[in-house]
Amino acid sequence: MKVFVAVLFIMHVSQHASAVEMEVNDKEKFIVLPCQVKAPVPTDLLVEWRRSDLSITVHVRRDNRDQPNDQNELYRERTALRQDALQSGDLSLTLKNIRLVDEGIYNCTTRRGSTVLSQDAVQLQVFSKLKYLKERDVFIGLFIVTLLLLLVCVGYIGWTIMTSKNKDTTAANL
């Protein structure tokens, strides 16, 4: 059992290590996630794009037809493959109206029957100005809290020194 788990872990790590990395701003209208196979492709080929990090179906083309009922509702009407994808071998996925939740690992898998013919992975990172501002605000907040703590410590040390001098001066006057 331990060997099986180790093999699955290695497969999982190697799958992510070989992924094409892409970056996009969440304000972009679309991005094209690459997937190429040798053309021409048989028309009975199943092309499936999935989010491996969420285990959801992003886009399916079966028998040279898109299958919108097979995809997760998060991606409905936001994905497309080229019309000539099987003739050209370009199975790249166009993802429209980019959102922060689109960040993740996408797998393009081709199958004929139960046989997997190819599999490509794309790691998509989505950046947002709002995300940057939130991170910056957290940094500024921590900086201010640190300064306040430092001022409190300095004030306490100063107060301690002043009260001990007052005690010493009072004791010396007696």
C-alpha atoms as a PDB file:
ATOM      1  CA  MET A   1       0.000   0.000   0.000  1.00  0.00           C
ATOM      2  CA  LYS A   2       2.833   2.444   0.857  1.00  0.00           C
ATOM      3  CA  VAL A   3       4.471   1.774  -2.521  1.00  0.00           C
ATOM      4  CA  PHE A   4       1.175   2.473  -4.308  1.00  0.00           C
ATOM      5  CA  VAL A   5       0.761   5.798  -2.467  1.00  0.00           C
ATOM      6  CA  ALA A   6       4.376   6.751  -3.231  1.00  0.00           C
ATOM      7  CA  VAL A   7       3.873   5.976  -6.939  1.00  0.00           C
ATOM      8  CA  LEU A   8       0.690   8.079  -7.027  1.00  0.00           C
ATOM      9  CA  PHE A   9       2.486  10.947  -5.282  1.00  0.00           C
ATOM     10  CA  ILE A  10       5.392  10.803  -7.755  1.00  0.00           C
ATOM     11  CA  MET A  11       2.952  10.740 -10.678  1.00  0.00           C
ATOM     12  CA  HIS A  12       1.104  13.718  -9.188  1.00  0.00           C
ATOM     13  CA  VAL A  13       4.335  15.709  -8.685  1.00  0.00           C
ATOM     14  CA  SER A  14       5.730  14.841 -12.114  1.00  0.00           C
ATOM     15  CA  GLN A  15       2.470  15.856 -13.763  1.00  0.00           C
ATOM     16  CA  HIS A  16       2.697  19.318 -12.204  1.00  0.00           C
ATOM     17  CA  ALA A  17       6.413  19.642 -12.853  1.00  0.00           C
ATOM     18  CA  SER A  18       5.926  19.188 -16.609  1.00  0.00           C
ATOM     19  CA  ALA A  19       3.048  21.668 -16.907  1.00  0.00           C
ATOM     20  CA  VAL A  20       3.344  24.686 -19.167  1.00  0.00           C
ATOM     21  CA  GLU A  21       3.116  27.787 -16.966  1.00  0.00           C
ATOM     22  CA  MET A  22       1.010  30.730 -18.116  1.00  0.00           C
ATOM     23  CA  GLU A  23       0.116  34.025 -16.465  1.00  0.00           C
ATOM     24  CA  VAL A  24      -2.821  36.300 -17.179  1.00  0.00           C
ATOM     25  CA  ASN A  25      -4.443  39.377 -15.661  1.00  0.00           C
ATOM     26  CA  ASP A  26      -8.054  38.920 -14.560  1.00  0.00           C
ATOM     27  CA  LYS A  27      -9.046  41.907 -16.712  1.00  0.00           C
ATOM     28  CA  GLU A  28      -8.071  40.101 -19.946  1.00  0.00           C
ATOM     29  CA  LYS A  29     -10.926  39.091 -22.239  1.00  0.00           C
ATOM     30  CA  PHE A  30      -9.434  35.660 -22.989  1.00  0.00           C
ATOM     31  CA  ILE A  31      -6.410  33.380 -22.880  1.00  0.00           C
ATOM     32  CA  VAL A  32      -5.483  30.397 -25.055  1.00  0.00           C
ATOM     33  CA  LEU A  33      -4.231  27.328 -23.173  1.00  0.00           C
ATOM     34  CA  PRO A  34      -1.998  25.321 -25.553  1.00  0.00           C
ATOM     35  CA  CYS A  35      -2.530  21.685 -26.537  1.00  0.00           C
ATOM     36  CA  GLN A  36      -1.107  20.232 -29.742  1.00  0.00           C
ATOM     37  CA  VAL A  37      -1.359  16.742 -31.231  1.00  0.00           C
ATOM     38  CA  LYS A  38      -0.209  15.268 -34.517  1.00  0.00           C
ATOM     39  CA  ALA A  39      -2.748  16.028 -37.279  1.00  0.00           C
ATOM     40  CA  PRO A  40      -4.999  14.844 -38.750  1.00  0.00           C
ATOM     41  CA  VAL A  41      -6.859  13.490 -35.741  1.00  0.00           C
ATOM     42  CA  PRO A  42      -9.570  10.805 -36.071  1.00  0.00           C
ATOM     43  CA  THR A  43     -13.068  12.293 -35.808  1.00  0.00           C
ATOM     44  CA  ASP A  44     -14.082   9.751 -33.149  1.00  0.00           C
ATOM     45  CA  LEU A  45     -11.451  11.170 -30.788  1.00  0.00           C
ATOM     46  CA  LEU A  46     -12.517  12.449 -27.364  1.00  0.00           C
ATOM     47  CA  VAL A  47     -10.874  15.723 -26.374  1.00  0.00           C
ATOM     48  CA  GLU A  48     -11.297  16.638 -22.721  1.00  0.00           C
ATOM     49  CA  TRP A  49     -10.032  19.646 -20.804  1.00  0.00           C
ATOM     50  CA  ARG A  50     -10.205  19.234 -17.008  1.00  0.00           C
ATOM     51  CA  ARG A  51      -9.087  21.142 -13.932  1.00  0.00           C
ATOM     52  CA  SER A  52      -6.976  18.547 -12.146  1.00  0.00           C
ATOM     53  CA  ASP A  53      -6.712  20.648  -8.979  1.00  0.00           C
ATOM     54  CA  LEU A  54     -10.534  20.735  -8.654  1.00  0.00           C
ATOM     55  CA  SER A  55     -11.429  17.547 -10.572  1.00  0.00           C
ATOM     56  CA  ILE A  56     -13.971  19.314 -12.765  1.00  0.00           C
ATOM     57  CA  THR A  57     -14.599  19.172 -16.499  1.00  0.00           C
ATOM     58  CA  VAL A  58     -13.854  22.410 -18.338  1.00  0.00           C
ATOM     59  CA  HIS A  59     -14.586  21.446 -21.982  1.00  0.00           C
ATOM     60  CA  VAL A  60     -15.388  18.268 -23.923  1.00  0.00           C
ATOM     61  CA  ARG A  61     -15.434  17.564 -27.652  1.00  0.00           C
ATOM     62  CA  ARG A  62     -16.735  14.142 -28.633  1.00  0.00           C
ATOM     63  CA  ASP A  63     -17.367  12.952 -32.204  1.00  0.00           C
ATOM     64  CA  ASN A  64     -16.192  16.369 -33.427  1.00  0.00           C
ATOM     65  CA  ARG A  65     -18.924  18.162 -31.423  1.00  0.00           C
ATOM     66  CA  ASP A  66     -18.659  20.224 -28.273  1.00  0.00           C
ATOM     67  CA  GLN A  67     -20.541  18.767 -25.300  1.00  0.00           C
ATOM     68  CA  PRO A  68     -21.647  21.718 -23.125  1.00  0.00           C
ATOM     69  CA  ASN A  69     -23.762  19.460 -20.886  1.00  0.00           C
ATOM     70  CA  ASP A  70     -20.585  17.607 -19.843  1.00  0.00           C
ATOM     71  CA  GLN A  71     -18.769  20.694 -18.586  1.00  0.00           C
ATOM     72  CA  ASN A  72     -18.908  22.369 -15.186  1.00  0.00           C
ATOM     73  CA  GLU A  73     -21.307  25.318 -15.076  1.00  0.00           C
ATOM     74  CA  LEU A  74     -18.440  27.615 -14.032  1.00  0.00           C
ATOM     75  CA  TYR A  75     -17.076  27.251 -17.593  1.00  0.00           C
ATOM     76  CA  ARG A  76     -20.306  27.194 -19.646  1.00  0.00           C
ATOM     77  CA  GLU A  77     -20.220  29.659 -22.521  1.00  0.00           C
ATOM     78  CA  ARG A  78     -16.669  30.654 -21.558  1.00  0.00           C
ATOM     79  CA  THR A  79     -14.646  28.000 -23.412  1.00  0.00           C
ATOM     80  CA  ALA A  80     -14.053  27.101 -27.030  1.00  0.00           C
ATOM     81  CA  LEU A  81     -11.885  24.907 -29.249  1.00  0.00           C
ATOM     82  CA  ARG A  82     -11.076  25.830 -32.818  1.00  0.00           C
ATOM     83  CA  GLN A  83     -13.627  24.587 -35.341  1.00  0.00           C
ATOM     84  CA  ASP A  84     -10.829  22.853 -37.285  1.00  0.00           C
ATOM     85  CA  ALA A  85      -9.167  21.464 -34.131  1.00  0.00           C
ATOM     86  CA  LEU A  86      -9.216  17.828 -35.267  1.00  0.00           C
ATOM     87  CA  GLN A  87      -7.987  18.661 -38.775  1.00  0.00           C
ATOM     88  CA  SER A  88      -5.191  20.949 -37.556  1.00  0.00           C
ATOM     89  CA  GLY A  89      -4.245  19.074 -34.366  1.00  0.00           C
ATOM     90  CA  ASP A  90      -4.526  22.365 -32.443  1.00  0.00           C
ATOM     91  CA  LEU A  91      -6.668  21.425 -29.435  1.00  0.00           C
ATOM     92  CA  SER A  92      -5.843  24.622 -27.548  1.00  0.00           C
ATOM     93  CA  LEU A  93      -8.597  25.876 -25.265  1.00  0.00           C
ATOM     94  CA  THR A  94      -9.767  29.468 -25.425  1.00  0.00           C
ATOM     95  CA  LEU A  95     -10.933  30.578 -21.995  1.00  0.00           C
ATOM     96  CA  LYS A  96     -12.984  33.795 -22.018  1.00  0.00           C
ATOM     97  CA  ASN A  97     -13.796  36.372 -19.328  1.00  0.00           C
ATOM     98  CA  ILE A  98     -10.892  35.507 -17.037  1.00  0.00           C
ATOM     99  CA  ARG A  99     -11.659  35.296 -13.311  1.00  0.00           C
ATOM    100  CA  LEU A 100      -9.464  34.788 -10.250  1.00  0.00           C
ATOM    101  CA  VAL A 101     -11.104  31.369  -9.715  1.00  0.00           C
ATOM    102  CA  ASP A 102      -9.722  30.263 -13.102  1.00  0.00           C
ATOM    103  CA  GLU A 103      -6.267  29.919 -11.550  1.00  0.00           C
ATOM    104  CA  GLY A 104      -5.239  26.258 -11.470  1.00  0.00           C
ATOM    105  CA  ILE A 105      -3.939  23.258 -13.388  1.00  0.00           C
ATOM    106  CA  TYR A 106      -5.656  22.358 -16.657  1.00  0.00           C
ATOM    107  CA  ASN A 107      -5.182  18.998 -18.387  1.00  0.00           C
ATOM    108  CA  CYS A 108      -5.848  18.411 -22.067  1.00  0.00           C
ATOM    109  CA  THR A 109      -6.435  14.690 -22.641  1.00  0.00           C
ATOM    110  CA  THR A 110      -7.176  12.892 -25.902  1.00  0.00           C
ATOM    111  CA  ARG A 111      -8.711   9.409 -25.922  1.00  0.00           C
ATOM    112  CA  ARG A 112      -9.819   6.920 -28.466  1.00  0.00           C
ATOM    113  CA  GLY A 113     -12.089   4.496 -26.685  1.00  0.00           C
ATOM    114  CA  SER A 114     -10.459   3.808 -23.337  1.00  0.00           C
ATOM    115  CA  THR A 115      -6.929   4.451 -24.656  1.00  0.00           C
ATOM    116  CA  VAL A 116      -5.293   7.744 -23.673  1.00  0.00           C
ATOM    117  CA  LEU A 117      -3.382   9.052 -26.695  1.00  0.00           C
ATOM    118  CA  SER A 118      -1.970  12.256 -25.237  1.00  0.00           C
ATOM    119  CA  GLN A 119      -2.084  14.427 -22.155  1.00  0.00           C
ATOM    120  CA  ASP A 120      -0.772  17.951 -21.670  1.00  0.00           C
ATOM    121  CA  ALA A 121      -0.903  20.128 -18.561  1.00  0.00           C
ATOM    122  CA  VAL A 122      -1.091  23.902 -18.253  1.00  0.00           C
ATOM    123  CA  GLN A 123      -0.589  25.770 -14.961  1.00  0.00           C
ATOM    124  CA  LEU A 124      -2.572  29.004 -15.143  1.00  0.00           C
ATOM    125  CA  GLN A 125      -1.869  31.866 -12.740  1.00  0.00           C
ATOM    126  CA  VAL A 126      -4.373  34.713 -12.654  1.00  0.00           C
ATOM    127  CA  PHE A 127      -3.219  38.059 -11.312  1.00  0.00           C
ATOM    128  CA  SER A 128      -5.415  40.880 -10.139  1.00  0.00           C
ATOM    129  CA  LYS A 129      -4.678  44.454  -9.230  1.00  0.00           C
ATOM    130  CA  LEU A 130      -7.190  44.032  -6.415  1.00  0.00           C
ATOM    131  CA  LYS A 131      -5.307  40.955  -5.175  1.00  0.00           C
ATOM    132  CA  TYR A 132      -2.072  42.998  -5.199  1.00  0.00           C
ATOM    133  CA  LEU A 133      -3.748  45.850  -3.315  1.00  0.00           C
ATOM    134  CA  LYS A 134      -5.050  43.465  -0.658  1.00  0.00           C
ATOM    135  CA  GLU A 135      -1.554  41.997  -0.180  1.00  0.00           C
ATOM    136  CA  ARG A 136      -0.101  45.503   0.020  1.00  0.00           C
ATOM    137  CA  ASP A 137      -2.757  46.548   2.547  1.00  0.00           C
ATOM    138  CA  VAL A 138      -1.903  43.551   4.744  1.00  0.00           C
ATOM    139  CA  PHE A 139       1.781  44.512   4.612  1.00  0.00           C
ATOM    140  CA  ILE A 140       1.006  48.138   5.518  1.00  0.00           C
ATOM    141  CA  GLY A 141      -1.265  46.983   8.365  1.00  0.00           C
ATOM    142  CA  LEU A 142       1.430  44.719   9.798  1.00  0.00           C
ATOM    143  CA  PHE A 143       3.968  47.516   9.480  1.00  0.00           C
ATOM    144  CA  ILE A 144       1.715  49.933  11.407  1.00  0.00           C
ATOM    145  CA  VAL A 145       1.000  47.362  14.144  1.00  0.00           C
ATOM    146  CA  THR A 146       4.746  46.705  14.474  1.00  0.00           C
ATOM    147  CA  LEU A 147       5.439  50.448  14.794  1.00  0.00           C
ATOM    148  CA  LEU A 148       2.725  50.822  17.434  1.00  0.00           C
ATOM    149  CA  LEU A 149       4.123  47.898  19.428  1.00  0.00           C
ATOM    150  CA  LEU A 150       7.581  49.410  19.177  1.00  0.00           C
ATOM    151  CA  LEU A 151       6.266  52.771  20.435  1.00  0.00           C
ATOM    152  CA  VAL A 152       4.472  51.068  23.332  1.00  0.00           C
ATOM    153  CA  CYS A 153       7.685  49.212  24.268  1.00  0.00           C
ATOM    154  CA  VAL A 154       9.786  52.386  24.084  1.00  0.00           C
ATOM    155  CA  GLY A 155       7.157  54.263  26.106  1.00  0.00           C
ATOM    156  CA  TYR A 156       7.059  51.523  28.746  1.00  0.00           C
ATOM    157  CA  ILE A 157      10.846  51.436  28.998  1.00  0.00           C
ATOM    158  CA  GLY A 158      10.930  55.251  29.310  1.00  0.00           C
ATOM    159  CA  TRP A 159       8.197  55.222  31.943  1.00  0.00           C
ATOM    160  CA  THR A 160      10.036  52.465  33.878  1.00  0.00           C
ATOM    161  CA  ILE A 161      13.280  54.457  33.823  1.00  0.00           C
ATOM    162  CA  MET A 162      11.526  57.670  34.861  1.00  0.00           C
ATOM    163  CA  THR A 163       9.671  56.035  37.753  1.00  0.00           C
ATOM    164  CA  SER A 164      12.831  54.327  39.007  1.00  0.00           C
ATOM    165  CA  LYS A 165      14.708  57.682  38.880  1.00  0.00           C
ATOM    166  CA  ASN A 166      11.859  59.350  40.765  1.00  0.00           C
ATOM    167  CA  LYS A 167      12.043  56.624  43.430  1.00  0.00           C
ATOM    168  CA  ASP A 168      15.813  57.044  43.646  1.00  0.00           C
ATOM    169  CA  THR A 169      15.508  60.846  43.879  1.00  0.00           C
ATOM    170  CA  THR A 170      12.775  60.586  46.508  1.00  0.00           C
ATOM    171  CA  ALA A 171      14.817  58.063  48.506  1.00  0.00           C
ATOM    172  CA  ALA A 172      17.933  60.299  48.257  1.00  0.00           C
ATOM    173  CA  ASN A 173      15.981  63.324  49.513  1.00  0.00           C
ATOM    174  CA  LEU A 174      14.793  61.461  52.592  1.00  0.00           C
END
